[in-house]
């Protein structure tokens, strides 16, 4: 299989009732909030765009390295190779 990543990435906040840091980092990095996971409310899907400060992998790393979020990971897909 080949691993590939796209523009989406996932972020887990410490407290889903305080999204101040999340919204601040979204504005700072020119990323987009796609949606909140309805079954796991601490998880959010974000998207890096052409105007973002980097691609999905770079933004996932940046969000995690701020220390403001519990978890952040790029959207990895696996494609079979024959």
PDB file of N, CA and C in Angstrom:
ATOM      1  N   UNK A   1       0.834  -1.192   0.000  1.00  0.00           N
ATOM      2  CA  UNK A   1       0.000   0.000   0.000  1.00  0.00           C
ATOM      3  C   UNK A   1       0.875   1.250   0.000  1.00  0.00           C
ATOM      4  N   UNK A   2       0.337   2.277  -0.565  1.00  0.00           N
ATOM      5  CA  UNK A   2       0.991   3.585  -0.556  1.00  0.00           C
ATOM      6  C   UNK A   2       0.207   4.490   0.380  1.00  0.00           C
ATOM      7  N   UNK A   3       0.904   5.160   1.286  1.00  0.00           N
ATOM      8  CA  UNK A   3       0.276   6.142   2.165  1.00  0.00           C
ATOM      9  C   UNK A   3       0.250   7.490   1.462  1.00  0.00           C
ATOM     10  N   UNK A   4      -0.860   8.171   1.601  1.00  0.00           N
ATOM     11  CA  UNK A   4      -1.020   9.488   1.001  1.00  0.00           C
ATOM     12  C   UNK A   4      -1.778  10.372   1.981  1.00  0.00           C
ATOM     13  N   UNK A   5      -1.496  11.648   1.964  1.00  0.00           N
ATOM     14  CA  UNK A   5      -2.257  12.560   2.812  1.00  0.00           C
ATOM     15  C   UNK A   5      -2.832  13.674   1.944  1.00  0.00           C
ATOM     16  N   UNK A   6      -3.959  14.187   2.392  1.00  0.00           N
ATOM     17  CA  UNK A   6      -4.617  15.258   1.660  1.00  0.00           C
ATOM     18  C   UNK A   6      -4.580  16.551   2.435  1.00  0.00           C
ATOM     19  N   UNK A   7      -5.533  17.400   2.173  1.00  0.00           N
ATOM     20  CA  UNK A   7      -5.556  18.710   2.823  1.00  0.00           C
ATOM     21  C   UNK A   7      -6.266  18.689   4.174  1.00  0.00           C
ATOM     22  N   UNK A   8      -7.064  17.649   4.433  1.00  0.00           N
ATOM     23  CA  UNK A   8      -7.770  17.563   5.714  1.00  0.00           C
ATOM     24  C   UNK A   8      -6.855  17.034   6.806  1.00  0.00           C
ATOM     25  N   UNK A   9      -7.096  17.506   8.035  1.00  0.00           N
ATOM     26  CA  UNK A   9      -6.413  16.969   9.202  1.00  0.00           C
ATOM     27  C   UNK A   9      -7.353  17.041  10.385  1.00  0.00           C
ATOM     28  N   UNK A  10      -7.046  16.270  11.423  1.00  0.00           N
ATOM     29  CA  UNK A  10      -7.927  16.122  12.580  1.00  0.00           C
ATOM     30  C   UNK A  10      -7.248  16.710  13.812  1.00  0.00           C
ATOM     31  N   UNK A  11      -8.026  17.423  14.606  1.00  0.00           N
ATOM     32  CA  UNK A  11      -7.520  18.038  15.826  1.00  0.00           C
ATOM     33  C   UNK A  11      -8.443  17.663  16.971  1.00  0.00           C
ATOM     34  N   UNK A  12      -7.843  17.262  18.099  1.00  0.00           N
ATOM     35  CA  UNK A  12      -8.613  16.973  19.311  1.00  0.00           C
ATOM     36  C   UNK A  12      -8.305  18.069  20.326  1.00  0.00           C
ATOM     37  N   UNK A  13      -9.355  18.764  20.767  1.00  0.00           N
ATOM     38  CA  UNK A  13      -9.196  19.833  21.750  1.00  0.00           C
ATOM     39  C   UNK A  13      -9.290  19.244  23.157  1.00  0.00           C
ATOM     40  N   UNK A  14      -8.741  19.951  24.130  1.00  0.00           N
ATOM     41  CA  UNK A  14      -8.830  19.493  25.513  1.00  0.00           C
ATOM     42  C   UNK A  14     -10.248  19.647  26.060  1.00  0.00           C
ATOM     43  N   UNK A  15     -10.928  20.726  25.659  1.00  0.00           N
ATOM     44  CA  UNK A  15     -12.271  21.023  26.179  1.00  0.00           C
ATOM     45  C   UNK A  15     -13.137  21.532  25.033  1.00  0.00           C
ATOM     46  N   UNK A  16     -14.139  20.745  24.659  1.00  0.00           N
ATOM     47  CA  UNK A  16     -14.996  21.136  23.536  1.00  0.00           C
ATOM     48  C   UNK A  16     -15.872  22.343  23.843  1.00  0.00           C
ATOM     49  N   UNK A  17     -15.904  22.778  25.112  1.00  0.00           N
ATOM     50  CA  UNK A  17     -16.685  23.957  25.481  1.00  0.00           C
ATOM     51  C   UNK A  17     -15.871  25.246  25.404  1.00  0.00           C
ATOM     52  N   UNK A  18     -14.564  25.140  25.192  1.00  0.00           N
ATOM     53  CA  UNK A  18     -13.710  26.311  25.040  1.00  0.00           C
ATOM     54  C   UNK A  18     -12.901  26.155  23.752  1.00  0.00           C
ATOM     55  N   UNK A  19     -13.383  26.774  22.696  1.00  0.00           N
ATOM     56  CA  UNK A  19     -12.756  26.638  21.383  1.00  0.00           C
ATOM     57  C   UNK A  19     -11.974  27.882  20.972  1.00  0.00           C
ATOM     58  N   UNK A  20     -11.654  28.718  21.952  1.00  0.00           N
ATOM     59  CA  UNK A  20     -10.942  29.966  21.680  1.00  0.00           C
ATOM     60  C   UNK A  20      -9.619  29.716  20.966  1.00  0.00           C
ATOM     61  N   UNK A  21      -8.823  28.789  21.493  1.00  0.00           N
ATOM     62  CA  UNK A  21      -7.509  28.502  20.888  1.00  0.00           C
ATOM     63  C   UNK A  21      -7.667  27.932  19.484  1.00  0.00           C
ATOM     64  N   UNK A  22      -8.650  27.064  19.305  1.00  0.00           N
ATOM     65  CA  UNK A  22      -8.877  26.461  17.994  1.00  0.00           C
ATOM     66  C   UNK A  22      -9.207  27.538  16.962  1.00  0.00           C
ATOM     67  N   UNK A  23     -10.147  28.403  17.277  1.00  0.00           N
ATOM     68  CA  UNK A  23     -10.538  29.454  16.334  1.00  0.00           C
ATOM     69  C   UNK A  23      -9.402  30.447  16.087  1.00  0.00           C
ATOM     70  N   UNK A  24      -8.598  30.709  17.118  1.00  0.00           N
ATOM     71  CA  UNK A  24      -7.471  31.616  16.951  1.00  0.00           C
ATOM     72  C   UNK A  24      -6.437  31.018  15.993  1.00  0.00           C
ATOM     73  N   UNK A  25      -6.123  29.742  16.146  1.00  0.00           N
ATOM     74  CA  UNK A  25      -5.133  29.096  15.275  1.00  0.00           C
ATOM     75  C   UNK A  25      -5.665  28.930  13.855  1.00  0.00           C
ATOM     76  N   UNK A  26      -6.953  28.689  13.708  1.00  0.00           N
ATOM     77  CA  UNK A  26      -7.548  28.608  12.371  1.00  0.00           C
ATOM     78  C   UNK A  26      -7.379  29.940  11.643  1.00  0.00           C
ATOM     79  N   UNK A  27      -7.660  31.029  12.328  1.00  0.00           N
ATOM     80  CA  UNK A  27      -7.516  32.359  11.727  1.00  0.00           C
ATOM     81  C   UNK A  27      -6.049  32.671  11.432  1.00  0.00           C
ATOM     82  N   UNK A  28      -5.179  32.308  12.352  1.00  0.00           N
ATOM     83  CA  UNK A  28      -3.748  32.598  12.194  1.00  0.00           C
ATOM     84  C   UNK A  28      -3.127  31.848  11.018  1.00  0.00           C
ATOM     85  N   UNK A  29      -3.582  30.622  10.769  1.00  0.00           N
ATOM     86  CA  UNK A  29      -2.969  29.775   9.735  1.00  0.00           C
ATOM     87  C   UNK A  29      -3.748  29.752   8.426  1.00  0.00           C
ATOM     88  N   UNK A  30      -4.864  30.471   8.361  1.00  0.00           N
ATOM     89  CA  UNK A  30      -5.726  30.481   7.170  1.00  0.00           C
ATOM     90  C   UNK A  30      -6.233  29.085   6.806  1.00  0.00           C
ATOM     91  N   UNK A  31      -6.524  28.283   7.823  1.00  0.00           N
ATOM     92  CA  UNK A  31      -7.130  26.976   7.581  1.00  0.00           C
ATOM     93  C   UNK A  31      -8.639  27.099   7.735  1.00  0.00           C
ATOM     94  N   UNK A  32      -9.356  26.038   7.400  1.00  0.00           N
ATOM     95  CA  UNK A  32     -10.822  26.051   7.478  1.00  0.00           C
ATOM     96  C   UNK A  32     -11.314  24.982   8.442  1.00  0.00           C
ATOM     97  N   UNK A  33     -12.349  25.320   9.187  1.00  0.00           N
ATOM     98  CA  UNK A  33     -13.038  24.338  10.023  1.00  0.00           C
ATOM     99  C   UNK A  33     -14.060  23.638   9.146  1.00  0.00           C
ATOM    100  N   UNK A  34     -13.919  22.337   8.960  1.00  0.00           N
ATOM    101  CA  UNK A  34     -14.844  21.570   8.131  1.00  0.00           C
ATOM    102  C   UNK A  34     -16.048  21.157   8.958  1.00  0.00           C
ATOM    103  N   UNK A  35     -15.781  20.449  10.086  1.00  0.00           N
ATOM    104  CA  UNK A  35     -16.889  20.059  10.961  1.00  0.00           C
ATOM    105  C   UNK A  35     -16.375  19.501  12.270  1.00  0.00           C
ATOM    106  N   UNK A  36     -17.279  19.463  13.232  1.00  0.00           N
ATOM    107  CA  UNK A  36     -17.032  18.829  14.521  1.00  0.00           C
ATOM    108  C   UNK A  36     -17.618  17.433  14.464  1.00  0.00           C
ATOM    109  N   UNK A  37     -16.919  16.453  15.015  1.00  0.00           N
ATOM    110  CA  UNK A  37     -17.426  15.085  15.037  1.00  0.00           C
ATOM    111  C   UNK A  37     -18.602  15.014  16.010  1.00  0.00           C
ATOM    112  N   UNK A  38     -19.764  14.617  15.523  1.00  0.00           N
ATOM    113  CA  UNK A  38     -20.957  14.609  16.373  1.00  0.00           C
ATOM    114  C   UNK A  38     -20.923  13.538  17.456  1.00  0.00           C
ATOM    115  N   UNK A  39     -20.144  12.478  17.265  1.00  0.00           N
ATOM    116  CA  UNK A  39     -20.074  11.394  18.247  1.00  0.00           C
ATOM    117  C   UNK A  39     -18.900  11.559  19.208  1.00  0.00           C
ATOM    118  N   UNK A  40     -17.872  12.276  18.782  1.00  0.00           N
ATOM    119  CA  UNK A  40     -16.709  12.577  19.615  1.00  0.00           C
ATOM    120  C   UNK A  40     -16.499  14.086  19.553  1.00  0.00           C
ATOM    121  N   UNK A  41     -17.203  14.844  20.399  1.00  0.00           N
ATOM    122  CA  UNK A  41     -17.235  16.305  20.270  1.00  0.00           C
ATOM    123  C   UNK A  41     -15.907  17.016  20.487  1.00  0.00           C
ATOM    124  N   UNK A  42     -14.883  16.328  20.984  1.00  0.00           N
ATOM    125  CA  UNK A  42     -13.577  16.964  21.141  1.00  0.00           C
ATOM    126  C   UNK A  42     -12.787  16.956  19.826  1.00  0.00           C
ATOM    127  N   UNK A  43     -13.259  16.217  18.829  1.00  0.00           N
ATOM    128  CA  UNK A  43     -12.547  16.074  17.552  1.00  0.00           C
ATOM    129  C   UNK A  43     -13.129  16.981  16.475  1.00  0.00           C
ATOM    130  N   UNK A  44     -12.243  17.629  15.734  1.00  0.00           N
ATOM    131  CA  UNK A  44     -12.626  18.526  14.652  1.00  0.00           C
ATOM    132  C   UNK A  44     -11.856  18.160  13.393  1.00  0.00           C
ATOM    133  N   UNK A  45     -12.497  18.312  12.254  1.00  0.00           N
ATOM    134  CA  UNK A  45     -11.825  18.152  10.974  1.00  0.00           C
ATOM    135  C   UNK A  45     -11.558  19.547  10.437  1.00  0.00           C
ATOM    136  N   UNK A  46     -10.297  19.792  10.097  1.00  0.00           N
ATOM    137  CA  UNK A  46      -9.876  21.066   9.528  1.00  0.00           C
ATOM    138  C   UNK A  46      -9.292  20.816   8.148  1.00  0.00           C
ATOM    139  N   UNK A  47      -9.193  21.867   7.363  1.00  0.00           N
ATOM    140  CA  UNK A  47      -8.664  21.737   5.999  1.00  0.00           C
ATOM    141  C   UNK A  47      -7.657  22.850   5.722  1.00  0.00           C
ATOM    142  N   UNK A  48      -6.530  22.449   5.154  1.00  0.00           N
ATOM    143  CA  UNK A  48      -5.555  23.416   4.657  1.00  0.00           C
ATOM    144  C   UNK A  48      -5.967  23.793   3.234  1.00  0.00           C
ATOM    145  N   UNK A  49      -5.875  25.069   2.924  1.00  0.00           N
ATOM    146  CA  UNK A  49      -6.237  25.559   1.594  1.00  0.00           C
ATOM    147  C   UNK A  49      -4.992  26.130   0.913  1.00  0.00           C
ATOM    148  N   UNK A  50      -5.172  26.644  -0.276  1.00  0.00           N
ATOM    149  CA  UNK A  50      -4.047  27.249  -1.013  1.00  0.00           C
ATOM    150  C   UNK A  50      -3.473  28.455  -0.290  1.00  0.00           C
ATOM    151  N   UNK A  51      -4.288  29.118   0.523  1.00  0.00           N
ATOM    152  CA  UNK A  51      -3.819  30.295   1.242  1.00  0.00           C
ATOM    153  C   UNK A  51      -3.341  29.979   2.658  1.00  0.00           C
ATOM    154  N   UNK A  52      -3.399  28.712   3.057  1.00  0.00           N
ATOM    155  CA  UNK A  52      -2.948  28.319   4.397  1.00  0.00           C
ATOM    156  C   UNK A  52      -1.438  28.433   4.508  1.00  0.00           C
ATOM    157  N   UNK A  53      -0.944  28.364   5.724  1.00  0.00           N
ATOM    158  CA  UNK A  53       0.492  28.463   5.976  1.00  0.00           C
ATOM    159  C   UNK A  53       1.237  27.165   5.679  1.00  0.00           C
ATOM    160  N   UNK A  54       0.576  26.186   5.101  1.00  0.00           N
ATOM    161  CA  UNK A  54       1.193  24.915   4.749  1.00  0.00           C
ATOM    162  C   UNK A  54       0.135  23.924   4.327  1.00  0.00           C
ATOM    163  N   UNK A  55       0.579  22.725   3.954  1.00  0.00           N
ATOM    164  CA  UNK A  55      -0.368  21.679   3.552  1.00  0.00           C
ATOM    165  C   UNK A  55      -0.933  20.973   4.790  1.00  0.00           C
ATOM    166  N   UNK A  56      -1.744  19.952   4.564  1.00  0.00           N
ATOM    167  CA  UNK A  56      -2.399  19.246   5.667  1.00  0.00           C
ATOM    168  C   UNK A  56      -1.422  18.656   6.665  1.00  0.00           C
ATOM    169  N   UNK A  57      -0.323  18.099   6.188  1.00  0.00           N
ATOM    170  CA  UNK A  57       0.681  17.505   7.072  1.00  0.00           C
ATOM    171  C   UNK A  57       1.367  18.566   7.924  1.00  0.00           C
ATOM    172  N   UNK A  58       1.778  19.645   7.289  1.00  0.00           N
ATOM    173  CA  UNK A  58       2.452  20.720   8.019  1.00  0.00           C
ATOM    174  C   UNK A  58       1.523  21.363   9.046  1.00  0.00           C
ATOM    175  N   UNK A  59       0.264  21.573   8.672  1.00  0.00           N
ATOM    176  CA  UNK A  59      -0.685  22.195   9.590  1.00  0.00           C
ATOM    177  C   UNK A  59      -1.008  21.269  10.769  1.00  0.00           C
ATOM    178  N   UNK A  60      -1.148  19.971  10.512  1.00  0.00           N
ATOM    179  CA  UNK A  60      -1.397  19.017  11.606  1.00  0.00           C
ATOM    180  C   UNK A  60      -0.238  19.066  12.599  1.00  0.00           C
ATOM    181  N   UNK A  61       0.984  19.073  12.091  1.00  0.00           N
ATOM    182  CA  UNK A  61       2.161  19.158  12.966  1.00  0.00           C
ATOM    183  C   UNK A  61       2.185  20.470  13.739  1.00  0.00           C
ATOM    184  N   UNK A  62       1.896  21.566  13.046  1.00  0.00           N
ATOM    185  CA  UNK A  62       1.917  22.871  13.703  1.00  0.00           C
ATOM    186  C   UNK A  62       0.890  22.933  14.835  1.00  0.00           C
ATOM    187  N   UNK A  63      -0.343  22.505  14.566  1.00  0.00           N
ATOM    188  CA  UNK A  63      -1.379  22.562  15.591  1.00  0.00           C
ATOM    189  C   UNK A  63      -0.966  21.743  16.816  1.00  0.00           C
ATOM    190  N   UNK A  64      -0.384  20.568  16.602  1.00  0.00           N
ATOM    191  CA  UNK A  64       0.047  19.741  17.732  1.00  0.00           C
ATOM    192  C   UNK A  64       1.192  20.402  18.495  1.00  0.00           C
ATOM    193  N   UNK A  65       2.152  20.936  17.767  1.00  0.00           N
ATOM    194  CA  UNK A  65       3.339  21.510  18.401  1.00  0.00           C
ATOM    195  C   UNK A  65       3.053  22.780  19.196  1.00  0.00           C
ATOM    196  N   UNK A  66       1.901  23.404  18.988  1.00  0.00           N
ATOM    197  CA  UNK A  66       1.555  24.575  19.800  1.00  0.00           C
ATOM    198  C   UNK A  66       1.337  24.190  21.255  1.00  0.00           C
ATOM    199  N   UNK A  67       0.996  22.915  21.515  1.00  0.00           N
ATOM    200  CA  UNK A  67       0.700  22.478  22.877  1.00  0.00           C
ATOM    201  C   UNK A  67      -0.705  22.835  23.337  1.00  0.00           C
ATOM    202  N   UNK A  68      -1.479  23.458  22.454  1.00  0.00           N
ATOM    203  CA  UNK A  68      -2.834  23.893  22.800  1.00  0.00           C
ATOM    204  C   UNK A  68      -3.874  22.799  22.572  1.00  0.00           C
ATOM    205  N   UNK A  69      -3.460  21.706  21.927  1.00  0.00           N
ATOM    206  CA  UNK A  69      -4.404  20.654  21.559  1.00  0.00           C
ATOM    207  C   UNK A  69      -3.890  19.309  22.042  1.00  0.00           C
ATOM    208  N   UNK A  70      -4.824  18.451  22.384  1.00  0.00           N
ATOM    209  CA  UNK A  70      -4.456  17.136  22.895  1.00  0.00           C
ATOM    210  C   UNK A  70      -3.839  16.257  21.814  1.00  0.00           C
ATOM    211  N   UNK A  71      -4.338  16.409  20.590  1.00  0.00           N
ATOM    212  CA  UNK A  71      -3.913  15.515  19.517  1.00  0.00           C
ATOM    213  C   UNK A  71      -4.153  16.203  18.186  1.00  0.00           C
ATOM    214  N   UNK A  72      -3.331  15.900  17.212  1.00  0.00           N
ATOM    215  CA  UNK A  72      -3.536  16.385  15.854  1.00  0.00           C
ATOM    216  C   UNK A  72      -2.871  15.408  14.897  1.00  0.00           C
ATOM    217  N   UNK A  73      -3.563  15.066  13.825  1.00  0.00           N
ATOM    218  CA  UNK A  73      -3.001  14.114  12.859  1.00  0.00           C
ATOM    219  C   UNK A  73      -3.472  14.448  11.458  1.00  0.00           C
ATOM    220  N   UNK A  74      -2.620  14.196  10.465  1.00  0.00           N
ATOM    221  CA  UNK A  74      -3.045  14.406   9.081  1.00  0.00           C
ATOM    222  C   UNK A  74      -4.029  13.323   8.665  1.00  0.00           C
ATOM    223  N   UNK A  75      -4.838  13.612   7.671  1.00  0.00           N
ATOM    224  CA  UNK A  75      -5.760  12.614   7.114  1.00  0.00           C
ATOM    225  C   UNK A  75      -4.998  11.694   6.179  1.00  0.00           C
ATOM    226  N   UNK A  76      -4.585  10.535   6.680  1.00  0.00           N
ATOM    227  CA  UNK A  76      -3.794   9.581   5.883  1.00  0.00           C
ATOM    228  C   UNK A  76      -4.731   8.583   5.201  1.00  0.00           C
ATOM    229  N   UNK A  77      -4.486   8.348   3.930  1.00  0.00           N
ATOM    230  CA  UNK A  77      -5.233   7.341   3.163  1.00  0.00           C
ATOM    231  C   UNK A  77      -4.237   6.291   2.667  1.00  0.00           C
ATOM    232  N   UNK A  78      -4.708   5.060   2.550  1.00  0.00           N
ATOM    233  CA  UNK A  78      -3.872   3.973   2.015  1.00  0.00           C
ATOM    234  C   UNK A  78      -4.460   3.513   0.695  1.00  0.00           C
ATOM    235  N   UNK A  79      -3.586   3.384  -0.304  1.00  0.00           N
ATOM    236  CA  UNK A  79      -4.015   2.941  -1.616  1.00  0.00           C
ATOM    237  C   UNK A  79      -3.255   1.664  -1.976  1.00  0.00           C
ATOM    238  N   UNK A  80      -3.973   0.624  -2.397  1.00  0.00           N
ATOM    239  CA  UNK A  80      -3.301  -0.630  -2.752  1.00  0.00           C
ATOM    240  C   UNK A  80      -2.481  -0.474  -4.031  1.00  0.00           C
ATOM    241  N   UNK A  81      -1.391  -1.196  -4.078  1.00  0.00           N
ATOM    242  CA  UNK A  81      -0.512  -1.191  -5.240  1.00  0.00           C
ATOM    243  C   UNK A  81      -0.382  -2.623  -5.720  1.00  0.00           C
ATOM    244  N   UNK A  82      -0.533  -2.824  -7.004  1.00  0.00           N
ATOM    245  CA  UNK A  82      -0.422  -4.176  -7.553  1.00  0.00           C
ATOM    246  C   UNK A  82       0.961  -4.469  -8.049  1.00  0.00           C
TER     247      UNK A  82
END
